[in-house]
């Protein structure tokens, strides 16, 4: 079982990595406020991931208290940056499809290889 300190280092390393990826690489027409919102959102998504909560729009809306549109806009920006990947899955109710997100495996690979900065 990993020590609490090791877990804290992983959280810190992940936060540093996404902060650098988002803040150091502004997209055309993107505001600083938008980038900060992305940093905050990926931090929440990482903690949901650790807690094994599926990263669906519904779960993210429940966790953040944001509107579905607000969540979708921010998550779409993270998908465009390739920080998140998106899959379409059958809705739990059997009707339609649900968008499910995953933190990109490349981020975890970079963390394992100590390629943070």
PDB file of N, CA and C in Angstrom:
ATOM      1  N   UNK A   1       0.849  -1.176   0.000  1.00  0.00           N
ATOM      2  CA  UNK A   1       0.000   0.000   0.000  1.00  0.00           C
ATOM      3  C   UNK A   1       0.894   1.239   0.000  1.00  0.00           C
ATOM      4  N   UNK A   2       0.610   2.184  -0.919  1.00  0.00           N
ATOM      5  CA  UNK A   2       1.456   3.377  -0.969  1.00  0.00           C
ATOM      6  C   UNK A   2       1.289   4.238   0.276  1.00  0.00           C
ATOM      7  N   UNK A   3       2.363   4.887   0.631  1.00  0.00           N
ATOM      8  CA  UNK A   3       2.313   5.754   1.808  1.00  0.00           C
ATOM      9  C   UNK A   3       1.518   7.015   1.489  1.00  0.00           C
ATOM     10  N   UNK A   4       0.971   7.676   2.514  1.00  0.00           N
ATOM     11  CA  UNK A   4       0.248   8.933   2.281  1.00  0.00           C
ATOM     12  C   UNK A   4       1.128   9.986   1.611  1.00  0.00           C
ATOM     13  N   UNK A   5       2.412   9.989   1.946  1.00  0.00           N
ATOM     14  CA  UNK A   5       3.323  10.959   1.339  1.00  0.00           C
ATOM     15  C   UNK A   5       3.479  10.694  -0.159  1.00  0.00           C
ATOM     16  N   UNK A   6       3.577   9.420  -0.533  1.00  0.00           N
ATOM     17  CA  UNK A   6       3.695   9.070  -1.953  1.00  0.00           C
ATOM     18  C   UNK A   6       2.450   9.521  -2.711  1.00  0.00           C
ATOM     19  N   UNK A   7       1.300   9.347  -2.102  1.00  0.00           N
ATOM     20  CA  UNK A   7       0.048   9.773  -2.717  1.00  0.00           C
ATOM     21  C   UNK A   7       0.012  11.287  -2.898  1.00  0.00           C
ATOM     22  N   UNK A   8       0.485  12.013  -1.896  1.00  0.00           N
ATOM     23  CA  UNK A   8       0.523  13.473  -1.989  1.00  0.00           C
ATOM     24  C   UNK A   8       1.474  13.926  -3.093  1.00  0.00           C
ATOM     25  N   UNK A   9       2.607  13.234  -3.237  1.00  0.00           N
ATOM     26  CA  UNK A   9       3.556  13.583  -4.293  1.00  0.00           C
ATOM     27  C   UNK A   9       2.941  13.348  -5.665  1.00  0.00           C
ATOM     28  N   UNK A  10       2.187  12.255  -5.812  1.00  0.00           N
ATOM     29  CA  UNK A  10       1.533  11.974  -7.094  1.00  0.00           C
ATOM     30  C   UNK A  10       0.511  13.054  -7.422  1.00  0.00           C
ATOM     31  N   UNK A  11      -0.269  13.455  -6.417  1.00  0.00           N
ATOM     32  CA  UNK A  11      -1.256  14.515  -6.635  1.00  0.00           C
ATOM     33  C   UNK A  11      -0.577  15.815  -7.042  1.00  0.00           C
ATOM     34  N   UNK A  12       0.500  16.142  -6.362  1.00  0.00           N
ATOM     35  CA  UNK A  12       1.236  17.370  -6.658  1.00  0.00           C
ATOM     36  C   UNK A  12       1.856  17.316  -8.054  1.00  0.00           C
ATOM     37  N   UNK A  13       2.417  16.170  -8.407  1.00  0.00           N
ATOM     38  CA  UNK A  13       3.034  16.015  -9.727  1.00  0.00           C
ATOM     39  C   UNK A  13       1.980  16.132 -10.830  1.00  0.00           C
ATOM     40  N   UNK A  14       0.824  15.517 -10.622  1.00  0.00           N
ATOM     41  CA  UNK A  14      -0.247  15.603 -11.613  1.00  0.00           C
ATOM     42  C   UNK A  14      -0.698  17.052 -11.775  1.00  0.00           C
ATOM     43  N   UNK A  15      -0.896  17.732 -10.656  1.00  0.00           N
ATOM     44  CA  UNK A  15      -1.333  19.134 -10.698  1.00  0.00           C
ATOM     45  C   UNK A  15      -0.317  20.013 -11.418  1.00  0.00           C
ATOM     46  N   UNK A  16       0.963  19.801 -11.134  1.00  0.00           N
ATOM     47  CA  UNK A  16       2.012  20.594 -11.785  1.00  0.00           C
ATOM     48  C   UNK A  16       2.023  20.341 -13.288  1.00  0.00           C
ATOM     49  N   UNK A  17       1.860  19.096 -13.675  1.00  0.00           N
ATOM     50  CA  UNK A  17       1.874  18.746 -15.095  1.00  0.00           C
ATOM     51  C   UNK A  17       0.721  19.407 -15.842  1.00  0.00           C
ATOM     52  N   UNK A  18      -0.502  19.260 -15.336  1.00  0.00           N
ATOM     53  CA  UNK A  18      -1.637  19.840 -16.059  1.00  0.00           C
ATOM     54  C   UNK A  18      -1.604  21.364 -16.021  1.00  0.00           C
ATOM     55  N   UNK A  19      -1.107  21.929 -14.940  1.00  0.00           N
ATOM     56  CA  UNK A  19      -0.979  23.382 -14.862  1.00  0.00           C
ATOM     57  C   UNK A  19      -0.062  23.891 -15.969  1.00  0.00           C
ATOM     58  N   UNK A  20       1.069  23.220 -16.144  1.00  0.00           N
ATOM     59  CA  UNK A  20       2.014  23.613 -17.204  1.00  0.00           C
ATOM     60  C   UNK A  20       1.408  23.394 -18.590  1.00  0.00           C
ATOM     61  N   UNK A  21       0.742  22.259 -18.799  1.00  0.00           N
ATOM     62  CA  UNK A  21       0.161  21.970 -20.112  1.00  0.00           C
ATOM     63  C   UNK A  21      -0.890  23.000 -20.512  1.00  0.00           C
ATOM     64  N   UNK A  22      -1.690  23.419 -19.563  1.00  0.00           N
ATOM     65  CA  UNK A  22      -2.787  24.338 -19.870  1.00  0.00           C
ATOM     66  C   UNK A  22      -2.321  25.791 -19.893  1.00  0.00           C
ATOM     67  N   UNK A  23      -1.627  26.219 -18.864  1.00  0.00           N
ATOM     68  CA  UNK A  23      -1.279  27.638 -18.752  1.00  0.00           C
ATOM     69  C   UNK A  23      -0.166  28.057 -19.719  1.00  0.00           C
ATOM     70  N   UNK A  24       0.738  27.148 -20.031  1.00  0.00           N
ATOM     71  CA  UNK A  24       1.853  27.494 -20.921  1.00  0.00           C
ATOM     72  C   UNK A  24       1.515  27.349 -22.402  1.00  0.00           C
ATOM     73  N   UNK A  25       0.325  26.826 -22.696  1.00  0.00           N
ATOM     74  CA  UNK A  25      -0.053  26.590 -24.090  1.00  0.00           C
ATOM     75  C   UNK A  25      -1.440  27.150 -24.385  1.00  0.00           C
ATOM     76  N   UNK A  26      -1.572  28.479 -24.376  1.00  0.00           N
ATOM     77  CA  UNK A  26      -2.893  29.053 -24.657  1.00  0.00           C
ATOM     78  C   UNK A  26      -3.315  28.767 -26.097  1.00  0.00           C
ATOM     79  N   UNK A  27      -4.604  28.538 -26.277  1.00  0.00           N
ATOM     80  CA  UNK A  27      -5.157  28.309 -27.611  1.00  0.00           C
ATOM     81  C   UNK A  27      -5.665  29.638 -28.160  1.00  0.00           C
ATOM     82  N   UNK A  28      -5.796  29.730 -29.459  1.00  0.00           N
ATOM     83  CA  UNK A  28      -6.264  30.964 -30.099  1.00  0.00           C
ATOM     84  C   UNK A  28      -7.613  31.383 -29.532  1.00  0.00           C
ATOM     85  N   UNK A  29      -7.705  32.636 -29.119  1.00  0.00           N
ATOM     86  CA  UNK A  29      -8.953  33.184 -28.618  1.00  0.00           C
ATOM     87  C   UNK A  29      -9.329  32.746 -27.214  1.00  0.00           C
ATOM     88  N   UNK A  30      -8.449  32.024 -26.557  1.00  0.00           N
ATOM     89  CA  UNK A  30      -8.744  31.499 -25.223  1.00  0.00           C
ATOM     90  C   UNK A  30      -8.315  32.516 -24.165  1.00  0.00           C
ATOM     91  N   UNK A  31      -9.171  32.736 -23.191  1.00  0.00           N
ATOM     92  CA  UNK A  31      -8.864  33.695 -22.134  1.00  0.00           C
ATOM     93  C   UNK A  31      -8.154  33.008 -20.975  1.00  0.00           C
ATOM     94  N   UNK A  32      -7.528  33.808 -20.140  1.00  0.00           N
ATOM     95  CA  UNK A  32      -6.886  33.272 -18.937  1.00  0.00           C
ATOM     96  C   UNK A  32      -7.934  32.639 -18.027  1.00  0.00           C
ATOM     97  N   UNK A  33      -9.113  33.232 -17.979  1.00  0.00           N
ATOM     98  CA  UNK A  33     -10.197  32.689 -17.159  1.00  0.00           C
ATOM     99  C   UNK A  33     -10.577  31.287 -17.627  1.00  0.00           C
ATOM    100  N   UNK A  34     -10.629  31.094 -18.924  1.00  0.00           N
ATOM    101  CA  UNK A  34     -10.954  29.786 -19.479  1.00  0.00           C
ATOM    102  C   UNK A  34      -9.891  28.758 -19.098  1.00  0.00           C
ATOM    103  N   UNK A  35      -8.629  29.152 -19.168  1.00  0.00           N
ATOM    104  CA  UNK A  35      -7.545  28.228 -18.807  1.00  0.00           C
ATOM    105  C   UNK A  35      -7.604  27.870 -17.323  1.00  0.00           C
ATOM    106  N   UNK A  36      -7.890  28.858 -16.479  1.00  0.00           N
ATOM    107  CA  UNK A  36      -8.009  28.573 -15.043  1.00  0.00           C
ATOM    108  C   UNK A  36      -9.171  27.627 -14.764  1.00  0.00           C
ATOM    109  N   UNK A  37     -10.260  27.800 -15.498  1.00  0.00           N
ATOM    110  CA  UNK A  37     -11.410  26.912 -15.333  1.00  0.00           C
ATOM    111  C   UNK A  37     -11.034  25.480 -15.727  1.00  0.00           C
ATOM    112  N   UNK A  38     -10.223  25.347 -16.773  1.00  0.00           N
ATOM    113  CA  UNK A  38      -9.768  24.022 -17.197  1.00  0.00           C
ATOM    114  C   UNK A  38      -8.885  23.374 -16.130  1.00  0.00           C
ATOM    115  N   UNK A  39      -8.003  24.165 -15.534  1.00  0.00           N
ATOM    116  CA  UNK A  39      -7.127  23.645 -14.476  1.00  0.00           C
ATOM    117  C   UNK A  39      -7.973  23.155 -13.304  1.00  0.00           C
ATOM    118  N   UNK A  40      -8.944  23.956 -12.904  1.00  0.00           N
ATOM    119  CA  UNK A  40      -9.826  23.556 -11.806  1.00  0.00           C
ATOM    120  C   UNK A  40     -10.615  22.306 -12.138  1.00  0.00           C
ATOM    121  N   UNK A  41     -11.120  22.230 -13.372  1.00  0.00           N
ATOM    122  CA  UNK A  41     -11.933  21.082 -13.776  1.00  0.00           C
ATOM    123  C   UNK A  41     -11.100  19.806 -13.792  1.00  0.00           C
ATOM    124  N   UNK A  42      -9.895  19.851 -14.345  1.00  0.00           N
ATOM    125  CA  UNK A  42      -9.091  18.629 -14.400  1.00  0.00           C
ATOM    126  C   UNK A  42      -8.683  18.193 -13.002  1.00  0.00           C
ATOM    127  N   UNK A  43      -8.530  19.126 -12.084  1.00  0.00           N
ATOM    128  CA  UNK A  43      -8.227  18.761 -10.695  1.00  0.00           C
ATOM    129  C   UNK A  43      -9.390  17.988 -10.086  1.00  0.00           C
ATOM    130  N   UNK A  44     -10.599  18.457 -10.334  1.00  0.00           N
ATOM    131  CA  UNK A  44     -11.789  17.759  -9.833  1.00  0.00           C
ATOM    132  C   UNK A  44     -11.913  16.396 -10.494  1.00  0.00           C
ATOM    133  N   UNK A  45     -11.689  16.345 -11.800  1.00  0.00           N
ATOM    134  CA  UNK A  45     -11.799  15.075 -12.520  1.00  0.00           C
ATOM    135  C   UNK A  45     -10.763  14.069 -12.037  1.00  0.00           C
ATOM    136  N   UNK A  46      -9.578  14.540 -11.701  1.00  0.00           N
ATOM    137  CA  UNK A  46      -8.532  13.650 -11.188  1.00  0.00           C
ATOM    138  C   UNK A  46      -8.963  13.034  -9.855  1.00  0.00           C
ATOM    139  N   UNK A  47      -9.550  13.840  -8.992  1.00  0.00           N
ATOM    140  CA  UNK A  47     -10.005  13.305  -7.706  1.00  0.00           C
ATOM    141  C   UNK A  47     -11.194  12.358  -7.891  1.00  0.00           C
ATOM    142  N   UNK A  48     -12.048  12.626  -8.860  1.00  0.00           N
ATOM    143  CA  UNK A  48     -13.124  11.685  -9.173  1.00  0.00           C
ATOM    144  C   UNK A  48     -12.532  10.384  -9.701  1.00  0.00           C
ATOM    145  N   UNK A  49     -11.508  10.493 -10.539  1.00  0.00           N
ATOM    146  CA  UNK A  49     -10.827   9.318 -11.094  1.00  0.00           C
ATOM    147  C   UNK A  49     -10.227   8.465  -9.972  1.00  0.00           C
ATOM    148  N   UNK A  50      -9.561   9.121  -9.027  1.00  0.00           N
ATOM    149  CA  UNK A  50      -8.971   8.405  -7.893  1.00  0.00           C
ATOM    150  C   UNK A  50     -10.057   7.694  -7.088  1.00  0.00           C
ATOM    151  N   UNK A  51     -11.206   8.350  -6.944  1.00  0.00           N
ATOM    152  CA  UNK A  51     -12.331   7.766  -6.209  1.00  0.00           C
ATOM    153  C   UNK A  51     -13.148   6.789  -7.028  1.00  0.00           C
ATOM    154  N   UNK A  52     -12.695   6.476  -8.234  1.00  0.00           N
ATOM    155  CA  UNK A  52     -13.332   5.528  -9.138  1.00  0.00           C
ATOM    156  C   UNK A  52     -14.771   5.912  -9.479  1.00  0.00           C
ATOM    157  N   UNK A  53     -15.015   7.217  -9.594  1.00  0.00           N
ATOM    158  CA  UNK A  53     -16.312   7.723 -10.036  1.00  0.00           C
ATOM    159  C   UNK A  53     -16.243   7.868 -11.554  1.00  0.00           C
ATOM    160  N   UNK A  54     -17.169   7.255 -12.296  1.00  0.00           N
ATOM    161  CA  UNK A  54     -17.140   7.393 -13.754  1.00  0.00           C
ATOM    162  C   UNK A  54     -17.230   8.862 -14.164  1.00  0.00           C
ATOM    163  N   UNK A  55     -16.405   9.252 -15.111  1.00  0.00           N
ATOM    164  CA  UNK A  55     -16.360  10.644 -15.550  1.00  0.00           C
ATOM    165  C   UNK A  55     -17.380  10.869 -16.662  1.00  0.00           C
ATOM    166  N   UNK A  56     -18.639  10.984 -16.261  1.00  0.00           N
ATOM    167  CA  UNK A  56     -19.721  11.300 -17.188  1.00  0.00           C
ATOM    168  C   UNK A  56     -20.188  12.721 -16.906  1.00  0.00           C
ATOM    169  N   UNK A  57     -20.863  13.320 -17.883  1.00  0.00           N
ATOM    170  CA  UNK A  57     -21.352  14.683 -17.676  1.00  0.00           C
ATOM    171  C   UNK A  57     -22.256  14.765 -16.448  1.00  0.00           C
ATOM    172  N   UNK A  58     -23.126  13.783 -16.279  1.00  0.00           N
ATOM    173  CA  UNK A  58     -24.043  13.794 -15.138  1.00  0.00           C
ATOM    174  C   UNK A  58     -23.283  13.769 -13.821  1.00  0.00           C
ATOM    175  N   UNK A  59     -22.301  12.896 -13.705  1.00  0.00           N
ATOM    176  CA  UNK A  59     -21.520  12.810 -12.461  1.00  0.00           C
ATOM    177  C   UNK A  59     -20.718  14.083 -12.211  1.00  0.00           C
ATOM    178  N   UNK A  60     -20.183  14.665 -13.279  1.00  0.00           N
ATOM    179  CA  UNK A  60     -19.389  15.888 -13.123  1.00  0.00           C
ATOM    180  C   UNK A  60     -20.290  17.047 -12.696  1.00  0.00           C
ATOM    181  N   UNK A  61     -21.484  17.132 -13.279  1.00  0.00           N
ATOM    182  CA  UNK A  61     -22.445  18.171 -12.893  1.00  0.00           C
ATOM    183  C   UNK A  61     -22.803  18.026 -11.420  1.00  0.00           C
ATOM    184  N   UNK A  62     -23.055  16.795 -10.984  1.00  0.00           N
ATOM    185  CA  UNK A  62     -23.396  16.558  -9.575  1.00  0.00           C
ATOM    186  C   UNK A  62     -22.246  16.942  -8.655  1.00  0.00           C
ATOM    187  N   UNK A  63     -21.038  16.633  -9.061  1.00  0.00           N
ATOM    188  CA  UNK A  63     -19.857  16.899  -8.230  1.00  0.00           C
ATOM    189  C   UNK A  63     -19.543  18.391  -8.135  1.00  0.00           C
ATOM    190  N   UNK A  64     -19.703  19.107  -9.247  1.00  0.00           N
ATOM    191  CA  UNK A  64     -19.284  20.509  -9.284  1.00  0.00           C
ATOM    192  C   UNK A  64     -20.397  21.504  -8.996  1.00  0.00           C
ATOM    193  N   UNK A  65     -21.627  21.122  -9.272  1.00  0.00           N
ATOM    194  CA  UNK A  65     -22.733  22.064  -9.124  1.00  0.00           C
ATOM    195  C   UNK A  65     -22.852  23.027 -10.296  1.00  0.00           C
ATOM    196  N   UNK A  66     -22.017  22.847 -11.314  1.00  0.00           N
ATOM    197  CA  UNK A  66     -22.089  23.680 -12.517  1.00  0.00           C
ATOM    198  C   UNK A  66     -23.233  23.201 -13.407  1.00  0.00           C
ATOM    199  N   UNK A  67     -23.606  24.031 -14.360  1.00  0.00           N
ATOM    200  CA  UNK A  67     -24.626  23.611 -15.319  1.00  0.00           C
ATOM    201  C   UNK A  67     -24.025  22.590 -16.279  1.00  0.00           C
ATOM    202  N   UNK A  68     -24.900  21.828 -16.910  1.00  0.00           N
ATOM    203  CA  UNK A  68     -24.447  20.825 -17.870  1.00  0.00           C
ATOM    204  C   UNK A  68     -23.682  21.492 -19.020  1.00  0.00           C
ATOM    205  N   UNK A  69     -24.169  22.638 -19.473  1.00  0.00           N
ATOM    206  CA  UNK A  69     -23.506  23.367 -20.556  1.00  0.00           C
ATOM    207  C   UNK A  69     -22.132  23.862 -20.121  1.00  0.00           C
ATOM    208  N   UNK A  70     -22.045  24.385 -18.904  1.00  0.00           N
ATOM    209  CA  UNK A  70     -20.763  24.867 -18.384  1.00  0.00           C
ATOM    210  C   UNK A  70     -19.739  23.750 -18.275  1.00  0.00           C
ATOM    211  N   UNK A  71     -20.192  22.586 -17.809  1.00  0.00           N
ATOM    212  CA  UNK A  71     -19.298  21.429 -17.708  1.00  0.00           C
ATOM    213  C   UNK A  71     -18.872  20.986 -19.103  1.00  0.00           C
ATOM    214  N   UNK A  72     -19.832  20.883 -20.017  1.00  0.00           N
ATOM    215  CA  UNK A  72     -19.531  20.400 -21.371  1.00  0.00           C
ATOM    216  C   UNK A  72     -18.516  21.305 -22.068  1.00  0.00           C
ATOM    217  N   UNK A  73     -18.662  22.615 -21.920  1.00  0.00           N
ATOM    218  CA  UNK A  73     -17.721  23.545 -22.558  1.00  0.00           C
ATOM    219  C   UNK A  73     -16.297  23.334 -22.057  1.00  0.00           C
ATOM    220  N   UNK A  74     -16.149  23.218 -20.753  1.00  0.00           N
ATOM    221  CA  UNK A  74     -14.812  23.060 -20.176  1.00  0.00           C
ATOM    222  C   UNK A  74     -14.225  21.698 -20.514  1.00  0.00           C
ATOM    223  N   UNK A  75     -15.035  20.663 -20.420  1.00  0.00           N
ATOM    224  CA  UNK A  75     -14.565  19.312 -20.724  1.00  0.00           C
ATOM    225  C   UNK A  75     -14.188  19.208 -22.204  1.00  0.00           C
ATOM    226  N   UNK A  76     -14.966  19.837 -23.073  1.00  0.00           N
ATOM    227  CA  UNK A  76     -14.636  19.814 -24.504  1.00  0.00           C
ATOM    228  C   UNK A  76     -13.277  20.459 -24.773  1.00  0.00           C
ATOM    229  N   UNK A  77     -12.961  21.510 -24.051  1.00  0.00           N
ATOM    230  CA  UNK A  77     -11.650  22.148 -24.208  1.00  0.00           C
ATOM    231  C   UNK A  77     -10.534  21.199 -23.766  1.00  0.00           C
ATOM    232  N   UNK A  78     -10.770  20.433 -22.710  1.00  0.00           N
ATOM    233  CA  UNK A  78      -9.767  19.470 -22.240  1.00  0.00           C
ATOM    234  C   UNK A  78      -9.609  18.318 -23.233  1.00  0.00           C
ATOM    235  N   UNK A  79     -10.700  17.941 -23.895  1.00  0.00           N
ATOM    236  CA  UNK A  79     -10.619  16.907 -24.935  1.00  0.00           C
ATOM    237  C   UNK A  79      -9.814  17.443 -26.121  1.00  0.00           C
ATOM    238  N   UNK A  80     -10.062  18.693 -26.516  1.00  0.00           N
ATOM    239  CA  UNK A  80      -9.310  19.292 -27.620  1.00  0.00           C
ATOM    240  C   UNK A  80      -7.821  19.360 -27.308  1.00  0.00           C
ATOM    241  N   UNK A  81      -7.488  19.572 -26.060  1.00  0.00           N
ATOM    242  CA  UNK A  81      -6.078  19.624 -25.647  1.00  0.00           C
ATOM    243  C   UNK A  81      -5.470  18.228 -25.516  1.00  0.00           C
ATOM    244  N   UNK A  82      -6.297  17.200 -25.648  1.00  0.00           N
ATOM    245  CA  UNK A  82      -5.876  15.798 -25.504  1.00  0.00           C
ATOM    246  C   UNK A  82      -5.460  15.464 -24.070  1.00  0.00           C
ATOM    247  N   UNK A  83      -6.011  16.216 -23.117  1.00  0.00           N
ATOM    248  CA  UNK A  83      -5.799  15.909 -21.703  1.00  0.00           C
ATOM    249  C   UNK A  83      -6.826  14.871 -21.269  1.00  0.00           C
ATOM    250  N   UNK A  84      -7.997  14.914 -21.903  1.00  0.00           N
ATOM    251  CA  UNK A  84      -9.042  13.916 -21.688  1.00  0.00           C
ATOM    252  C   UNK A  84      -9.309  13.202 -23.002  1.00  0.00           C
ATOM    253  N   UNK A  85      -9.752  11.958 -22.896  1.00  0.00           N
ATOM    254  CA  UNK A  85     -10.260  11.242 -24.059  1.00  0.00           C
ATOM    255  C   UNK A  85     -11.745  11.013 -23.825  1.00  0.00           C
ATOM    256  N   UNK A  86     -12.478  10.865 -24.900  1.00  0.00           N
ATOM    257  CA  UNK A  86     -13.929  10.720 -24.809  1.00  0.00           C
ATOM    258  C   UNK A  86     -14.369   9.456 -25.518  1.00  0.00           C
ATOM    259  N   UNK A  87     -15.288   8.734 -24.904  1.00  0.00           N
ATOM    260  CA  UNK A  87     -15.919   7.591 -25.548  1.00  0.00           C
ATOM    261  C   UNK A  87     -17.428   7.759 -25.420  1.00  0.00           C
ATOM    262  N   UNK A  88     -18.150   7.200 -26.359  1.00  0.00           N
ATOM    263  CA  UNK A  88     -19.606   7.194 -26.295  1.00  0.00           C
ATOM    264  C   UNK A  88     -20.041   5.802 -25.871  1.00  0.00           C
ATOM    265  N   UNK A  89     -20.865   5.744 -24.843  1.00  0.00           N
ATOM    266  CA  UNK A  89     -21.336   4.468 -24.316  1.00  0.00           C
ATOM    267  C   UNK A  89     -22.851   4.487 -24.270  1.00  0.00           C
ATOM    268  N   UNK A  90     -23.420   3.318 -24.262  1.00  0.00           N
ATOM    269  CA  UNK A  90     -24.870   3.221 -24.161  1.00  0.00           C
ATOM    270  C   UNK A  90     -25.308   3.762 -22.805  1.00  0.00           C
ATOM    271  N   UNK A  91     -26.344   4.570 -22.825  1.00  0.00           N
ATOM    272  CA  UNK A  91     -26.881   5.148 -21.606  1.00  0.00           C
ATOM    273  C   UNK A  91     -27.350   4.039 -20.670  1.00  0.00           C
ATOM    274  N   UNK A  92     -27.195   4.263 -19.370  1.00  0.00           N
ATOM    275  CA  UNK A  92     -27.588   3.250 -18.380  1.00  0.00           C
ATOM    276  C   UNK A  92     -29.080   2.927 -18.468  1.00  0.00           C
ATOM    277  N   UNK A  93     -29.888   3.869 -18.912  1.00  0.00           N
ATOM    278  CA  UNK A  93     -31.326   3.638 -19.029  1.00  0.00           C
ATOM    279  C   UNK A  93     -31.676   2.896 -20.312  1.00  0.00           C
ATOM    280  N   UNK A  94     -30.670   2.657 -21.158  1.00  0.00           N
ATOM    281  CA  UNK A  94     -30.895   1.911 -22.381  1.00  0.00           C
ATOM    282  C   UNK A  94     -31.284   2.766 -23.571  1.00  0.00           C
ATOM    283  N   UNK A  95     -31.453   4.064 -23.351  1.00  0.00           N
ATOM    284  CA  UNK A  95     -31.825   4.956 -24.449  1.00  0.00           C
ATOM    285  C   UNK A  95     -30.672   5.913 -24.715  1.00  0.00           C
ATOM    286  N   UNK A  96     -30.308   6.055 -25.964  1.00  0.00           N
ATOM    287  CA  UNK A  96     -29.290   7.037 -26.323  1.00  0.00           C
ATOM    288  C   UNK A  96     -27.889   6.641 -25.896  1.00  0.00           C
ATOM    289  N   UNK A  97     -27.008   7.622 -26.004  1.00  0.00           N
ATOM    290  CA  UNK A  97     -25.617   7.393 -25.631  1.00  0.00           C
ATOM    291  C   UNK A  97     -25.185   8.406 -24.580  1.00  0.00           C
ATOM    292  N   UNK A  98     -24.227   8.012 -23.807  1.00  0.00           N
ATOM    293  CA  UNK A  98     -23.658   8.884 -22.777  1.00  0.00           C
ATOM    294  C   UNK A  98     -22.194   9.120 -23.114  1.00  0.00           C
ATOM    295  N   UNK A  99     -21.746  10.337 -22.881  1.00  0.00           N
ATOM    296  CA  UNK A  99     -20.334  10.663 -23.082  1.00  0.00           C
ATOM    297  C   UNK A  99     -19.584  10.300 -21.807  1.00  0.00           C
ATOM    298  N   UNK A 100     -18.539   9.506 -21.969  1.00  0.00           N
ATOM    299  CA  UNK A 100     -17.704   9.149 -20.824  1.00  0.00           C
ATOM    300  C   UNK A 100     -16.287   9.606 -21.127  1.00  0.00           C
ATOM    301  N   UNK A 101     -15.662  10.153 -20.117  1.00  0.00           N
ATOM    302  CA  UNK A 101     -14.333  10.727 -20.293  1.00  0.00           C
ATOM    303  C   UNK A 101     -13.320   9.952 -19.468  1.00  0.00           C
ATOM    304  N   UNK A 102     -12.085   9.995 -19.937  1.00  0.00           N
ATOM    305  CA  UNK A 102     -10.971   9.352 -19.240  1.00  0.00           C
ATOM    306  C   UNK A 102      -9.790  10.313 -19.301  1.00  0.00           C
ATOM    307  N   UNK A 103      -9.031  10.342 -18.248  1.00  0.00           N
ATOM    308  CA  UNK A 103      -7.799  11.126 -18.286  1.00  0.00           C
ATOM    309  C   UNK A 103      -6.858  10.413 -19.250  1.00  0.00           C
ATOM    310  N   UNK A 104      -6.273  11.170 -20.150  1.00  0.00           N
ATOM    311  CA  UNK A 104      -5.443  10.585 -21.205  1.00  0.00           C
ATOM    312  C   UNK A 104      -4.302   9.765 -20.608  1.00  0.00           C
ATOM    313  N   UNK A 105      -4.129   8.539 -21.089  1.00  0.00           N
ATOM    314  CA  UNK A 105      -3.049   7.689 -20.584  1.00  0.00           C
ATOM    315  C   UNK A 105      -1.668   8.325 -20.742  1.00  0.00           C
ATOM    316  N   UNK A 106      -1.509   9.196 -21.734  1.00  0.00           N
ATOM    317  CA  UNK A 106      -0.207   9.836 -21.942  1.00  0.00           C
ATOM    318  C   UNK A 106       0.203  10.697 -20.746  1.00  0.00           C
ATOM    319  N   UNK A 107      -0.780  11.258 -20.036  1.00  0.00           N
ATOM    320  CA  UNK A 107      -0.441  12.048 -18.840  1.00  0.00           C
ATOM    321  C   UNK A 107       0.187  11.162 -17.774  1.00  0.00           C
ATOM    322  N   UNK A 108      -0.405   9.995 -17.572  1.00  0.00           N
ATOM    323  CA  UNK A 108       0.129   9.086 -16.560  1.00  0.00           C
ATOM    324  C   UNK A 108       1.491   8.538 -16.980  1.00  0.00           C
ATOM    325  N   UNK A 109       1.666   8.336 -18.290  1.00  0.00           N
ATOM    326  CA  UNK A 109       2.970   7.885 -18.782  1.00  0.00           C
ATOM    327  C   UNK A 109       4.032   8.948 -18.525  1.00  0.00           C
ATOM    328  N   UNK A 110       3.671  10.206 -18.742  1.00  0.00           N
ATOM    329  CA  UNK A 110       4.626  11.296 -18.482  1.00  0.00           C
ATOM    330  C   UNK A 110       4.965  11.370 -16.998  1.00  0.00           C
ATOM    331  N   UNK A 111       3.986  11.137 -16.144  1.00  0.00           N
ATOM    332  CA  UNK A 111       4.251  11.161 -14.698  1.00  0.00           C
ATOM    333  C   UNK A 111       5.192  10.027 -14.298  1.00  0.00           C
ATOM    334  N   UNK A 112       4.975   8.844 -14.877  1.00  0.00           N
ATOM    335  CA  UNK A 112       5.829   7.696 -14.551  1.00  0.00           C
ATOM    336  C   UNK A 112       7.262   7.905 -15.030  1.00  0.00           C
ATOM    337  N   UNK A 113       7.399   8.624 -16.147  1.00  0.00           N
ATOM    338  CA  UNK A 113       8.739   8.830 -16.696  1.00  0.00           C
ATOM    339  C   UNK A 113       9.410  10.074 -16.122  1.00  0.00           C
ATOM    340  N   UNK A 114       8.764  10.687 -15.137  1.00  0.00           N
ATOM    341  CA  UNK A 114       9.276  11.904 -14.494  1.00  0.00           C
ATOM    342  C   UNK A 114       9.402  13.066 -15.472  1.00  0.00           C
ATOM    343  N   UNK A 115       8.618  13.034 -16.551  1.00  0.00           N
ATOM    344  CA  UNK A 115       8.626  14.118 -17.539  1.00  0.00           C
ATOM    345  C   UNK A 115       7.529  15.118 -17.162  1.00  0.00           C
ATOM    346  N   UNK A 116       7.735  15.809 -16.069  1.00  0.00           N
ATOM    347  CA  UNK A 116       6.707  16.714 -15.561  1.00  0.00           C
ATOM    348  C   UNK A 116       6.923  18.120 -16.080  1.00  0.00           C
ATOM    349  N   UNK A 117       8.131  18.601 -16.017  1.00  0.00           N
ATOM    350  CA  UNK A 117       8.387  19.989 -16.409  1.00  0.00           C
ATOM    351  C   UNK A 117       9.005  20.096 -17.773  1.00  0.00           C
TER     352      UNK A 117
END
